[in-house]
Amino acid sequence: MTAIQDIPLTTISGGTSSLGDYAGQVLLVVNVASKCGLTPQYDGLEKLHEQYRDQGFAVLGFPANDFAGQEPGSDDEIAEFCRSTYGVEFPMFSKITVLGADRHPLYAALAGDQDVQWNFEKFLISRTGEPAARFAPGVTPDDPELVGAIERELGAPRP
């Protein structure tokens, strides 16, 4: 496994996890928020997840309250909102910090020296567990550039 796959994660229901649990899959890691102008992207992210999951793809949502207090809820409240409002079934994780000194190690590895710009920034992870692409928050889940990148990664040989 790659170093990024070894980083400990907590699911939104409190379980332990890591990206290693998704080894061999193409992943789209997204920092999400429930009270953001971009929140309707949940719908498109769920559609992407449903469309490509049988090919070895998953969207992974990481709630974060780093931008204008747009994710104030508890993990339980966030999970309920996502299920009831957008029918989210893709894996969700416990609320994290994506900026500053307390930035979660996953986001430190993904963003490197650059800050996350806003809610709904997207990081594409290859089947080999390496970061493959990064997309700005305004890039919608149905954007041809994002969809094309996902399809290219899905076409790569499995490790």
N, C-alpha and C. Protein backbone atom coordinates (compact mmCIF):
# COMPACT_ATOMS: atom_id res chain seq x y z
N MET A 1 0.83 -1.20 0.00
CA MET A 1 0.00 0.00 0.00
C MET A 1 0.87 1.25 0.00
N THR A 2 0.32 2.33 -0.55
CA THR A 2 1.02 3.60 -0.53
C THR A 2 0.84 4.25 0.84
N ALA A 3 1.68 5.22 1.13
CA ALA A 3 1.61 5.91 2.42
C ALA A 3 0.24 6.55 2.62
N ILE A 4 -0.34 7.10 1.55
CA ILE A 4 -1.65 7.75 1.68
C ILE A 4 -2.72 6.73 2.06
N GLN A 5 -2.56 5.49 1.62
CA GLN A 5 -3.54 4.45 1.94
C GLN A 5 -3.45 3.99 3.39
N ASP A 6 -2.35 4.28 4.05
CA ASP A 6 -2.15 3.86 5.44
C ASP A 6 -2.67 4.87 6.46
N ILE A 7 -3.04 6.06 6.03
CA ILE A 7 -3.48 7.11 6.95
C ILE A 7 -4.79 6.68 7.62
N PRO A 8 -4.82 6.66 8.96
CA PRO A 8 -6.05 6.26 9.65
C PRO A 8 -7.19 7.26 9.42
N LEU A 9 -8.37 6.71 9.19
CA LEU A 9 -9.57 7.51 8.99
C LEU A 9 -10.66 7.00 9.92
N THR A 10 -11.65 7.84 10.17
CA THR A 10 -12.81 7.45 10.97
C THR A 10 -14.05 7.65 10.11
N THR A 11 -14.88 6.62 10.01
CA THR A 11 -16.11 6.74 9.24
C THR A 11 -17.08 7.67 9.97
N ILE A 12 -18.08 8.12 9.28
CA ILE A 12 -19.05 9.04 9.89
C ILE A 12 -19.83 8.36 11.01
N SER A 13 -19.87 7.02 11.00
CA SER A 13 -20.55 6.28 12.07
C SER A 13 -19.59 5.87 13.19
N GLY A 14 -18.32 6.32 13.10
CA GLY A 14 -17.36 6.08 14.18
C GLY A 14 -16.44 4.89 13.99
N GLY A 15 -16.55 4.18 12.89
CA GLY A 15 -15.68 3.03 12.64
C GLY A 15 -14.30 3.46 12.17
N THR A 16 -13.36 2.53 12.22
CA THR A 16 -12.01 2.81 11.74
C THR A 16 -11.90 2.39 10.28
N SER A 17 -11.07 3.12 9.55
CA SER A 17 -10.94 2.89 8.12
C SER A 17 -9.63 3.48 7.64
N SER A 18 -9.36 3.32 6.37
CA SER A 18 -8.25 3.98 5.67
C SER A 18 -8.55 3.87 4.18
N LEU A 19 -7.79 4.61 3.38
CA LEU A 19 -7.96 4.45 1.94
C LEU A 19 -7.54 3.06 1.50
N GLY A 20 -6.73 2.38 2.30
CA GLY A 20 -6.34 1.01 2.00
C GLY A 20 -7.54 0.07 1.92
N ASP A 21 -8.64 0.42 2.58
CA ASP A 21 -9.87 -0.37 2.49
C ASP A 21 -10.43 -0.35 1.07
N TYR A 22 -9.98 0.61 0.27
CA TYR A 22 -10.44 0.77 -1.11
C TYR A 22 -9.33 0.47 -2.11
N ALA A 23 -8.34 -0.28 -1.69
CA ALA A 23 -7.18 -0.60 -2.55
C ALA A 23 -7.67 -1.17 -3.88
N GLY A 24 -7.06 -0.71 -4.96
CA GLY A 24 -7.41 -1.17 -6.30
C GLY A 24 -8.56 -0.41 -6.93
N GLN A 25 -9.18 0.49 -6.18
CA GLN A 25 -10.28 1.29 -6.71
C GLN A 25 -9.80 2.70 -7.06
N VAL A 26 -10.51 3.33 -7.95
CA VAL A 26 -10.32 4.76 -8.23
C VAL A 26 -11.20 5.52 -7.25
N LEU A 27 -10.64 6.52 -6.60
CA LEU A 27 -11.36 7.25 -5.56
C LEU A 27 -11.44 8.73 -5.89
N LEU A 28 -12.56 9.34 -5.54
CA LEU A 28 -12.70 10.78 -5.60
C LEU A 28 -12.94 11.26 -4.18
N VAL A 29 -11.93 11.88 -3.59
CA VAL A 29 -11.97 12.38 -2.22
C VAL A 29 -12.45 13.83 -2.28
N VAL A 30 -13.52 14.13 -1.54
CA VAL A 30 -14.14 15.46 -1.60
C VAL A 30 -14.40 15.97 -0.19
N ASN A 31 -13.93 17.20 0.11
CA ASN A 31 -14.30 17.83 1.37
C ASN A 31 -15.65 18.52 1.15
N VAL A 32 -16.61 18.13 1.97
CA VAL A 32 -18.01 18.51 1.74
C VAL A 32 -18.54 19.37 2.89
N ALA A 33 -19.65 20.06 2.62
CA ALA A 33 -20.31 20.89 3.63
C ALA A 33 -21.79 20.99 3.31
N SER A 34 -22.61 21.04 4.34
CA SER A 34 -24.06 20.99 4.19
C SER A 34 -24.72 22.35 3.96
N LYS A 35 -24.01 23.43 4.25
CA LYS A 35 -24.63 24.76 4.17
C LYS A 35 -23.85 25.69 3.25
N CYS A 36 -23.39 25.13 2.14
CA CYS A 36 -22.56 25.84 1.17
C CYS A 36 -23.36 26.02 -0.11
N GLY A 37 -23.05 27.04 -0.87
CA GLY A 37 -23.69 27.21 -2.17
C GLY A 37 -23.40 26.05 -3.11
N LEU A 38 -22.33 25.31 -2.85
CA LEU A 38 -21.97 24.16 -3.69
C LEU A 38 -22.57 22.85 -3.18
N THR A 39 -23.31 22.89 -2.07
CA THR A 39 -23.87 21.67 -1.48
C THR A 39 -24.69 20.84 -2.46
N PRO A 40 -25.40 21.44 -3.43
CA PRO A 40 -26.12 20.60 -4.39
C PRO A 40 -25.23 19.64 -5.18
N GLN A 41 -23.91 19.84 -5.12
CA GLN A 41 -23.00 18.88 -5.78
C GLN A 41 -23.14 17.48 -5.18
N TYR A 42 -23.66 17.36 -3.96
CA TYR A 42 -23.90 16.04 -3.39
C TYR A 42 -24.68 15.17 -4.37
N ASP A 43 -25.67 15.75 -5.02
CA ASP A 43 -26.51 15.01 -5.96
C ASP A 43 -25.65 14.44 -7.09
N GLY A 44 -24.83 15.26 -7.70
CA GLY A 44 -23.97 14.81 -8.79
C GLY A 44 -22.91 13.83 -8.33
N LEU A 45 -22.38 14.03 -7.13
CA LEU A 45 -21.39 13.08 -6.60
C LEU A 45 -22.01 11.71 -6.40
N GLU A 46 -23.25 11.67 -5.89
CA GLU A 46 -23.94 10.39 -5.72
C GLU A 46 -24.19 9.73 -7.08
N LYS A 47 -24.55 10.51 -8.08
CA LYS A 47 -24.76 9.96 -9.43
C LYS A 47 -23.45 9.38 -9.98
N LEU A 48 -22.35 10.08 -9.80
CA LEU A 48 -21.04 9.56 -10.23
C LEU A 48 -20.74 8.23 -9.53
N HIS A 49 -20.96 8.22 -8.23
CA HIS A 49 -20.69 7.02 -7.44
C HIS A 49 -21.52 5.85 -7.97
N GLU A 50 -22.80 6.08 -8.20
CA GLU A 50 -23.67 5.02 -8.69
C GLU A 50 -23.28 4.57 -10.10
N GLN A 51 -22.92 5.52 -10.95
CA GLN A 51 -22.61 5.21 -12.35
C GLN A 51 -21.36 4.35 -12.49
N TYR A 52 -20.34 4.59 -11.66
CA TYR A 52 -19.04 3.95 -11.85
C TYR A 52 -18.64 2.95 -10.77
N ARG A 53 -19.44 2.78 -9.73
CA ARG A 53 -19.01 1.93 -8.61
C ARG A 53 -18.77 0.48 -9.03
N ASP A 54 -19.55 -0.03 -9.97
CA ASP A 54 -19.35 -1.41 -10.41
C ASP A 54 -18.07 -1.59 -11.21
N GLN A 55 -17.44 -0.47 -11.59
CA GLN A 55 -16.16 -0.52 -12.31
C GLN A 55 -14.97 -0.31 -11.35
N GLY A 56 -15.27 -0.22 -10.06
CA GLY A 56 -14.19 -0.03 -9.09
C GLY A 56 -13.94 1.42 -8.76
N PHE A 57 -14.99 2.20 -8.61
CA PHE A 57 -14.88 3.62 -8.29
C PHE A 57 -15.71 3.93 -7.05
N ALA A 58 -15.22 4.87 -6.24
CA ALA A 58 -15.99 5.34 -5.08
C ALA A 58 -15.73 6.82 -4.86
N VAL A 59 -16.79 7.52 -4.50
CA VAL A 59 -16.67 8.88 -3.98
C VAL A 59 -16.55 8.73 -2.47
N LEU A 60 -15.65 9.48 -1.86
CA LEU A 60 -15.48 9.48 -0.41
C LEU A 60 -15.67 10.91 0.08
N GLY A 61 -16.66 11.13 0.95
CA GLY A 61 -16.96 12.46 1.45
C GLY A 61 -16.35 12.71 2.82
N PHE A 62 -15.71 13.87 2.95
CA PHE A 62 -15.06 14.27 4.20
C PHE A 62 -15.62 15.63 4.63
N PRO A 63 -16.63 15.65 5.50
CA PRO A 63 -17.17 16.93 5.97
C PRO A 63 -16.10 17.76 6.68
N ALA A 64 -16.13 19.06 6.39
CA ALA A 64 -15.17 19.98 7.02
C ALA A 64 -15.87 21.31 7.26
N ASN A 65 -15.56 21.93 8.38
CA ASN A 65 -16.17 23.20 8.76
C ASN A 65 -15.17 24.35 8.67
N ASP A 66 -14.25 24.26 7.73
CA ASP A 66 -13.17 25.23 7.63
C ASP A 66 -13.53 26.51 6.90
N PHE A 67 -14.63 26.50 6.15
CA PHE A 67 -14.95 27.63 5.30
C PHE A 67 -16.29 28.24 5.72
N ALA A 68 -16.22 29.39 6.36
CA ALA A 68 -17.39 30.18 6.74
C ALA A 68 -18.39 29.41 7.60
N GLY A 69 -17.92 28.43 8.37
CA GLY A 69 -18.79 27.69 9.27
C GLY A 69 -19.91 26.95 8.55
N GLN A 70 -19.63 26.45 7.34
CA GLN A 70 -20.68 25.87 6.52
C GLN A 70 -20.94 24.39 6.78
N GLU A 71 -20.25 23.81 7.77
CA GLU A 71 -20.54 22.43 8.19
C GLU A 71 -20.52 22.37 9.70
N PRO A 72 -21.54 23.00 10.36
CA PRO A 72 -21.53 23.09 11.82
C PRO A 72 -22.04 21.84 12.53
N GLY A 73 -22.70 20.94 11.83
CA GLY A 73 -23.38 19.81 12.47
C GLY A 73 -22.45 18.74 13.00
N SER A 74 -23.04 17.85 13.79
CA SER A 74 -22.34 16.66 14.28
C SER A 74 -22.29 15.63 13.16
N ASP A 75 -21.50 14.59 13.33
CA ASP A 75 -21.44 13.53 12.33
C ASP A 75 -22.82 12.93 12.09
N ASP A 76 -23.59 12.69 13.16
CA ASP A 76 -24.93 12.13 13.00
C ASP A 76 -25.84 13.07 12.21
N GLU A 77 -25.76 14.36 12.50
CA GLU A 77 -26.60 15.33 11.78
C GLU A 77 -26.20 15.40 10.30
N ILE A 78 -24.90 15.38 10.04
CA ILE A 78 -24.41 15.42 8.66
C ILE A 78 -24.87 14.18 7.90
N ALA A 79 -24.73 13.02 8.50
CA ALA A 79 -25.14 11.77 7.85
C ALA A 79 -26.63 11.79 7.52
N GLU A 80 -27.44 12.24 8.47
CA GLU A 80 -28.88 12.29 8.25
C GLU A 80 -29.22 13.28 7.14
N PHE A 81 -28.59 14.45 7.14
CA PHE A 81 -28.82 15.44 6.09
C PHE A 81 -28.48 14.86 4.72
N CYS A 82 -27.34 14.22 4.61
CA CYS A 82 -26.90 13.68 3.32
C CYS A 82 -27.84 12.60 2.81
N ARG A 83 -28.26 11.73 3.71
CA ARG A 83 -29.19 10.65 3.31
C ARG A 83 -30.56 11.21 2.94
N SER A 84 -31.11 12.05 3.80
CA SER A 84 -32.49 12.50 3.59
C SER A 84 -32.62 13.55 2.48
N THR A 85 -31.62 14.39 2.30
CA THR A 85 -31.72 15.47 1.32
C THR A 85 -31.22 15.06 -0.05
N TYR A 86 -30.13 14.28 -0.09
CA TYR A 86 -29.50 13.95 -1.37
C TYR A 86 -29.41 12.44 -1.64
N GLY A 87 -29.91 11.62 -0.74
CA GLY A 87 -29.86 10.18 -0.96
C GLY A 87 -28.45 9.64 -1.04
N VAL A 88 -27.52 10.26 -0.31
CA VAL A 88 -26.11 9.87 -0.37
C VAL A 88 -25.92 8.46 0.18
N GLU A 89 -25.32 7.63 -0.64
CA GLU A 89 -24.94 6.29 -0.22
C GLU A 89 -23.44 6.08 -0.29
N PHE A 90 -22.72 7.02 -0.91
CA PHE A 90 -21.26 6.85 -0.97
C PHE A 90 -20.68 7.00 0.43
N PRO A 91 -19.51 6.41 0.67
CA PRO A 91 -18.92 6.44 2.01
C PRO A 91 -18.65 7.87 2.49
N MET A 92 -19.06 8.12 3.72
CA MET A 92 -18.81 9.40 4.37
C MET A 92 -17.94 9.16 5.60
N PHE A 93 -17.15 10.16 5.93
CA PHE A 93 -16.21 10.05 7.04
C PHE A 93 -16.49 11.13 8.07
N SER A 94 -15.92 10.94 9.23
CA SER A 94 -16.08 11.88 10.33
C SER A 94 -15.55 13.26 9.93
N LYS A 95 -16.17 14.28 10.48
CA LYS A 95 -15.76 15.65 10.18
C LYS A 95 -14.29 15.85 10.52
N ILE A 96 -13.58 16.50 9.59
CA ILE A 96 -12.15 16.75 9.75
C ILE A 96 -11.85 18.22 9.50
N THR A 97 -10.59 18.58 9.67
CA THR A 97 -10.09 19.90 9.33
C THR A 97 -9.21 19.75 8.10
N VAL A 98 -9.40 20.62 7.10
CA VAL A 98 -8.62 20.52 5.86
C VAL A 98 -7.65 21.68 5.69
N LEU A 99 -7.61 22.60 6.66
CA LEU A 99 -6.73 23.76 6.60
C LEU A 99 -5.93 23.90 7.88
N GLY A 100 -4.81 24.60 7.78
CA GLY A 100 -4.06 25.03 8.95
C GLY A 100 -3.29 23.94 9.67
N ALA A 101 -2.84 24.29 10.86
CA ALA A 101 -1.98 23.41 11.64
C ALA A 101 -2.67 22.11 12.05
N ASP A 102 -3.99 22.14 12.17
CA ASP A 102 -4.74 20.94 12.57
C ASP A 102 -5.26 20.15 11.38
N ARG A 103 -4.77 20.46 10.19
CA ARG A 103 -5.21 19.78 8.97
C ARG A 103 -5.02 18.28 9.11
N HIS A 104 -6.03 17.53 8.71
CA HIS A 104 -5.97 16.07 8.77
C HIS A 104 -4.82 15.57 7.90
N PRO A 105 -4.11 14.53 8.34
CA PRO A 105 -2.97 14.01 7.57
C PRO A 105 -3.34 13.63 6.12
N LEU A 106 -4.57 13.18 5.89
CA LEU A 106 -4.96 12.85 4.51
C LEU A 106 -4.90 14.09 3.64
N TYR A 107 -5.42 15.19 4.16
CA TYR A 107 -5.42 16.42 3.37
C TYR A 107 -4.04 17.05 3.30
N ALA A 108 -3.21 16.83 4.29
CA ALA A 108 -1.82 17.27 4.21
C ALA A 108 -1.13 16.54 3.06
N ALA A 109 -1.40 15.25 2.93
CA ALA A 109 -0.79 14.45 1.86
C ALA A 109 -1.37 14.83 0.49
N LEU A 110 -2.67 15.06 0.43
CA LEU A 110 -3.31 15.37 -0.85
C LEU A 110 -2.97 16.77 -1.35
N ALA A 111 -3.03 17.75 -0.47
CA ALA A 111 -2.86 19.15 -0.88
C ALA A 111 -1.41 19.60 -0.87
N GLY A 112 -0.56 18.91 -0.11
CA GLY A 112 0.85 19.31 -0.04
C GLY A 112 1.00 20.71 0.49
N ASP A 113 1.76 21.53 -0.21
CA ASP A 113 2.03 22.91 0.22
C ASP A 113 0.89 23.87 -0.11
N GLN A 114 -0.08 23.42 -0.88
CA GLN A 114 -1.18 24.29 -1.28
C GLN A 114 -2.36 24.11 -0.35
N ASP A 115 -3.07 25.19 -0.09
CA ASP A 115 -4.28 25.10 0.72
C ASP A 115 -5.43 24.56 -0.11
N VAL A 116 -6.36 23.93 0.55
CA VAL A 116 -7.64 23.59 -0.07
C VAL A 116 -8.36 24.92 -0.27
N GLN A 117 -8.95 25.10 -1.45
CA GLN A 117 -9.54 26.39 -1.80
C GLN A 117 -10.87 26.65 -1.11
N TRP A 118 -11.73 25.62 -1.03
CA TRP A 118 -13.09 25.81 -0.51
C TRP A 118 -13.72 24.43 -0.38
N ASN A 119 -14.96 24.41 0.08
CA ASN A 119 -15.72 23.17 0.13
C ASN A 119 -15.85 22.58 -1.28
N PHE A 120 -15.93 21.27 -1.36
CA PHE A 120 -16.15 20.52 -2.59
C PHE A 120 -14.94 20.54 -3.54
N GLU A 121 -13.75 20.75 -3.00
CA GLU A 121 -12.55 20.51 -3.80
C GLU A 121 -12.43 19.00 -3.95
N LYS A 122 -11.94 18.57 -5.10
CA LYS A 122 -11.95 17.13 -5.42
C LYS A 122 -10.54 16.64 -5.73
N PHE A 123 -10.19 15.48 -5.14
CA PHE A 123 -8.90 14.85 -5.38
C PHE A 123 -9.16 13.46 -5.94
N LEU A 124 -8.63 13.18 -7.12
CA LEU A 124 -8.78 11.87 -7.74
C LEU A 124 -7.58 11.02 -7.38
N ILE A 125 -7.84 9.82 -6.89
CA ILE A 125 -6.80 8.88 -6.47
C ILE A 125 -6.83 7.69 -7.43
N SER A 126 -5.67 7.32 -7.96
CA SER A 126 -5.58 6.21 -8.92
C SER A 126 -5.78 4.86 -8.24
N ARG A 127 -5.91 3.83 -9.05
CA ARG A 127 -6.04 2.47 -8.53
C ARG A 127 -4.82 2.05 -7.71
N THR A 128 -3.68 2.68 -7.99
CA THR A 128 -2.46 2.34 -7.24
C THR A 128 -2.34 3.13 -5.95
N GLY A 129 -3.33 3.98 -5.65
CA GLY A 129 -3.32 4.74 -4.41
C GLY A 129 -2.56 6.04 -4.46
N GLU A 130 -2.24 6.49 -5.66
CA GLU A 130 -1.50 7.74 -5.82
C GLU A 130 -2.44 8.86 -6.27
N PRO A 131 -2.23 10.10 -5.79
CA PRO A 131 -3.03 11.21 -6.29
C PRO A 131 -2.83 11.34 -7.80
N ALA A 132 -3.95 11.47 -8.54
CA ALA A 132 -3.89 11.52 -9.99
C ALA A 132 -4.31 12.87 -10.55
N ALA A 133 -5.20 13.59 -9.85
CA ALA A 133 -5.67 14.89 -10.34
C ALA A 133 -6.36 15.62 -9.20
N ARG A 134 -6.46 16.94 -9.38
CA ARG A 134 -7.11 17.80 -8.40
C ARG A 134 -8.03 18.74 -9.15
N PHE A 135 -9.24 18.92 -8.62
CA PHE A 135 -10.24 19.75 -9.28
C PHE A 135 -10.76 20.80 -8.32
N ALA A 136 -10.88 22.01 -8.82
CA ALA A 136 -11.36 23.14 -8.02
C ALA A 136 -12.80 22.90 -7.56
N PRO A 137 -13.20 23.57 -6.49
CA PRO A 137 -14.55 23.39 -5.95
C PRO A 137 -15.67 23.61 -6.97
N GLY A 138 -15.51 24.56 -7.86
CA GLY A 138 -16.55 24.87 -8.83
C GLY A 138 -16.69 23.86 -9.95
N VAL A 139 -15.75 22.93 -10.06
CA VAL A 139 -15.85 21.88 -11.08
C VAL A 139 -16.93 20.91 -10.61
N THR A 140 -18.01 20.86 -11.38
CA THR A 140 -19.15 20.03 -10.99
C THR A 140 -18.89 18.56 -11.28
N PRO A 141 -19.59 17.68 -10.59
CA PRO A 141 -19.38 16.24 -10.80
C PRO A 141 -19.62 15.76 -12.23
N ASP A 142 -20.43 16.50 -13.02
CA ASP A 142 -20.67 16.08 -14.40
C ASP A 142 -19.77 16.81 -15.40
N ASP A 143 -18.80 17.58 -14.92
CA ASP A 143 -17.88 18.30 -15.79
C ASP A 143 -17.11 17.29 -16.66
N PRO A 144 -17.05 17.51 -17.98
CA PRO A 144 -16.37 16.55 -18.85
C PRO A 144 -14.90 16.29 -18.48
N GLU A 145 -14.21 17.30 -17.97
CA GLU A 145 -12.82 17.11 -17.57
C GLU A 145 -12.72 16.12 -16.40
N LEU A 146 -13.58 16.29 -15.40
CA LEU A 146 -13.59 15.38 -14.24
C LEU A 146 -14.01 13.98 -14.66
N VAL A 147 -15.10 13.87 -15.40
CA VAL A 147 -15.59 12.56 -15.85
C VAL A 147 -14.53 11.87 -16.71
N GLY A 148 -13.88 12.62 -17.59
CA GLY A 148 -12.83 12.05 -18.43
C GLY A 148 -11.66 11.53 -17.61
N ALA A 149 -11.28 12.27 -16.58
CA ALA A 149 -10.18 11.83 -15.71
C ALA A 149 -10.56 10.55 -14.97
N ILE A 150 -11.79 10.47 -14.48
CA ILE A 150 -12.27 9.26 -13.80
C ILE A 150 -12.22 8.08 -14.77
N GLU A 151 -12.73 8.29 -15.97
CA GLU A 151 -12.77 7.20 -16.94
C GLU A 151 -11.37 6.76 -17.35
N ARG A 152 -10.42 7.69 -17.48
CA ARG A 152 -9.03 7.32 -17.79
C ARG A 152 -8.45 6.45 -16.67
N GLU A 153 -8.68 6.87 -15.42
CA GLU A 153 -8.15 6.10 -14.29
C GLU A 153 -8.83 4.72 -14.21
N LEU A 154 -10.11 4.65 -14.49
CA LEU A 154 -10.80 3.36 -14.47
C LEU A 154 -10.28 2.44 -15.56
N GLY A 155 -9.79 3.03 -16.66
CA GLY A 155 -9.24 2.24 -17.75
C GLY A 155 -7.84 1.73 -17.51
N ALA A 156 -7.19 2.24 -16.47
CA ALA A 156 -5.82 1.79 -16.15
C ALA A 156 -5.87 0.38 -15.58
N PRO A 157 -4.81 -0.39 -15.82
CA PRO A 157 -4.80 -1.76 -15.27
C PRO A 157 -4.88 -1.77 -13.75
N ARG A 158 -5.55 -2.78 -13.25
CA ARG A 158 -5.62 -2.95 -11.79
C ARG A 158 -4.26 -3.42 -11.29
N PRO A 159 -3.85 -2.94 -10.12
CA PRO A 159 -2.54 -3.35 -9.58
C PRO A 159 -2.53 -4.83 -9.17
